[in-house]
C-alpha atoms as a PDB file:
ATOM      1  CA  UNK A   1     122.376 -92.157  -5.433  1.00  0.00           C
ATOM      2  CA  UNK A   2     122.571 -88.452  -6.227  1.00  0.00           C
ATOM      3  CA  UNK A   3     120.662 -87.412  -9.341  1.00  0.00           C
ATOM      4  CA  UNK A   4     120.677 -84.162 -11.303  1.00  0.00           C
ATOM      5  CA  UNK A   5     117.929 -82.580 -13.400  1.00  0.00           C
ATOM      6  CA  UNK A   6     118.599 -83.302 -17.088  1.00  0.00           C
ATOM      7  CA  UNK A   7     117.439 -79.761 -17.982  1.00  0.00           C
ATOM      8  CA  UNK A   8     119.012 -77.618 -15.234  1.00  0.00           C
ATOM      9  CA  UNK A   9     121.882 -79.840 -14.006  1.00  0.00           C
ATOM     10  CA  UNK A  10     120.743 -79.062 -10.427  1.00  0.00           C
ATOM     11  CA  UNK A  11     120.640 -81.700  -7.668  1.00  0.00           C
ATOM     12  CA  UNK A  12     117.185 -83.299  -7.410  1.00  0.00           C
ATOM     13  CA  UNK A  13     115.335 -83.482  -4.105  1.00  0.00           C
ATOM     14  CA  UNK A  14     113.659 -86.739  -3.056  1.00  0.00           C
ATOM     15  CA  UNK A  15     109.923 -86.144  -2.583  1.00  0.00           C
ATOM     16  CA  UNK A  16     106.830 -88.157  -1.753  1.00  0.00           C
ATOM     17  CA  UNK A  17     104.608 -88.956  -4.718  1.00  0.00           C
ATOM     18  CA  UNK A  18     101.037 -90.139  -4.411  1.00  0.00           C
ATOM     19  CA  UNK A  19      97.993 -90.753  -6.554  1.00  0.00           C
ATOM     20  CA  UNK A  20      94.626 -90.175  -4.917  1.00  0.00           C
ATOM     21  CA  UNK A  21      91.935 -92.711  -5.743  1.00  0.00           C
ATOM     22  CA  UNK A  22      89.316 -91.918  -3.155  1.00  0.00           C
ATOM     23  CA  UNK A  23      88.981 -89.869  -0.012  1.00  0.00           C
ATOM     24  CA  UNK A  24      91.150 -92.162   2.118  1.00  0.00           C
ATOM     25  CA  UNK A  25      92.858 -94.272  -0.548  1.00  0.00           C
ATOM     26  CA  UNK A  26      96.174 -93.849  -2.340  1.00  0.00           C
ATOM     27  CA  UNK A  27      98.074 -96.066  -4.772  1.00  0.00           C
ATOM     28  CA  UNK A  28     101.778 -96.787  -4.568  1.00  0.00           C
ATOM     29  CA  UNK A  29     103.478 -96.416  -7.951  1.00  0.00           C
ATOM     30  CA  UNK A  30     105.657 -99.253  -9.207  1.00  0.00           C
ATOM     31  CA  UNK A  31     107.020-100.593 -12.467  1.00  0.00           C
ATOM     32  CA  UNK A  32     106.703-104.120 -13.734  1.00  0.00           C
ATOM     33  CA  UNK A  33     109.816-105.533 -15.401  1.00  0.00           C
ATOM     34  CA  UNK A  34     110.481-108.582 -17.522  1.00  0.00           C
ATOM     35  CA  UNK A  35     112.693-109.976 -14.767  1.00  0.00           C
ATOM     36  CA  UNK A  36     111.364-113.089 -13.110  1.00  0.00           C
ATOM     37  CA  UNK A  37     110.320-113.008  -9.462  1.00  0.00           C
ATOM     38  CA  UNK A  38     112.284-116.188  -8.882  1.00  0.00           C
ATOM     39  CA  UNK A  39     111.154-119.298  -7.057  1.00  0.00           C
ATOM     40  CA  UNK A  40     107.786-120.874  -7.790  1.00  0.00           C
ATOM     41  CA  UNK A  41     106.167-117.607  -8.882  1.00  0.00           C
ATOM     42  CA  UNK A  42     108.981-116.973 -11.341  1.00  0.00           C
ATOM     43  CA  UNK A  43     108.481-120.359 -12.967  1.00  0.00           C
ATOM     44  CA  UNK A  44     104.810-119.473 -13.412  1.00  0.00           C
ATOM     45  CA  UNK A  45     105.809-116.338 -15.329  1.00  0.00           C
ATOM     46  CA  UNK A  46     105.157-113.775 -12.604  1.00  0.00           C
ATOM     47  CA  UNK A  47     107.161-110.616 -13.230  1.00  0.00           C
ATOM     48  CA  UNK A  48     108.970-108.654 -10.544  1.00  0.00           C
ATOM     49  CA  UNK A  49     107.477-105.343  -9.348  1.00  0.00           C
ATOM     50  CA  UNK A  50     109.894-102.560  -8.434  1.00  0.00           C
ATOM     51  CA  UNK A  51     109.183 -99.572  -6.208  1.00  0.00           C
ATOM     52  CA  UNK A  52     109.358 -96.086  -7.703  1.00  0.00           C
ATOM     53  CA  UNK A  53     111.079 -93.063  -6.105  1.00  0.00           C
ATOM     54  CA  UNK A  54     110.086 -89.490  -7.000  1.00  0.00           C
ATOM     55  CA  UNK A  55     112.590 -86.650  -7.357  1.00  0.00           C
ATOM     56  CA  UNK A  56     111.880 -82.928  -7.840  1.00  0.00           C
ATOM     57  CA  UNK A  57     114.017 -80.231  -9.441  1.00  0.00           C
ATOM     58  CA  UNK A  58     113.830 -77.188  -7.150  1.00  0.00           C
ATOM     59  CA  UNK A  59     114.562 -74.832 -10.084  1.00  0.00           C
ATOM     60  CA  UNK A  60     112.208 -75.892 -12.887  1.00  0.00           C
ATOM     61  CA  UNK A  61     109.731 -78.039 -10.934  1.00  0.00           C
ATOM     62  CA  UNK A  62     110.251 -81.124 -13.089  1.00  0.00           C
ATOM     63  CA  UNK A  63     109.303 -84.375 -11.334  1.00  0.00           C
ATOM     64  CA  UNK A  64     111.181 -87.522 -12.320  1.00  0.00           C
ATOM     65  CA  UNK A  65     110.295 -91.075 -11.290  1.00  0.00           C
ATOM     66  CA  UNK A  66     113.046 -93.665 -10.946  1.00  0.00           C
ATOM     67  CA  UNK A  67     112.465 -97.407 -10.519  1.00  0.00           C
ATOM     68  CA  UNK A  68     114.437 -99.252  -7.862  1.00  0.00           C
ATOM     69  CA  UNK A  69     115.971-101.912 -10.154  1.00  0.00           C
END
């Protein structure tokens, strides 16, 4: 899906986003939704986790994160 910067109306570039924890560790960002995971875990109240994609505006440098829902 093509996305545009809400400030500049320029096409966003998909970029890698990471959060350093330690020297060799990194976390993967995600969002937790109210949607059920389904199956047995869903009946136990486990929520679904969705991956997050990062996009960068080449003009203003704004970084936007979008959940894969």
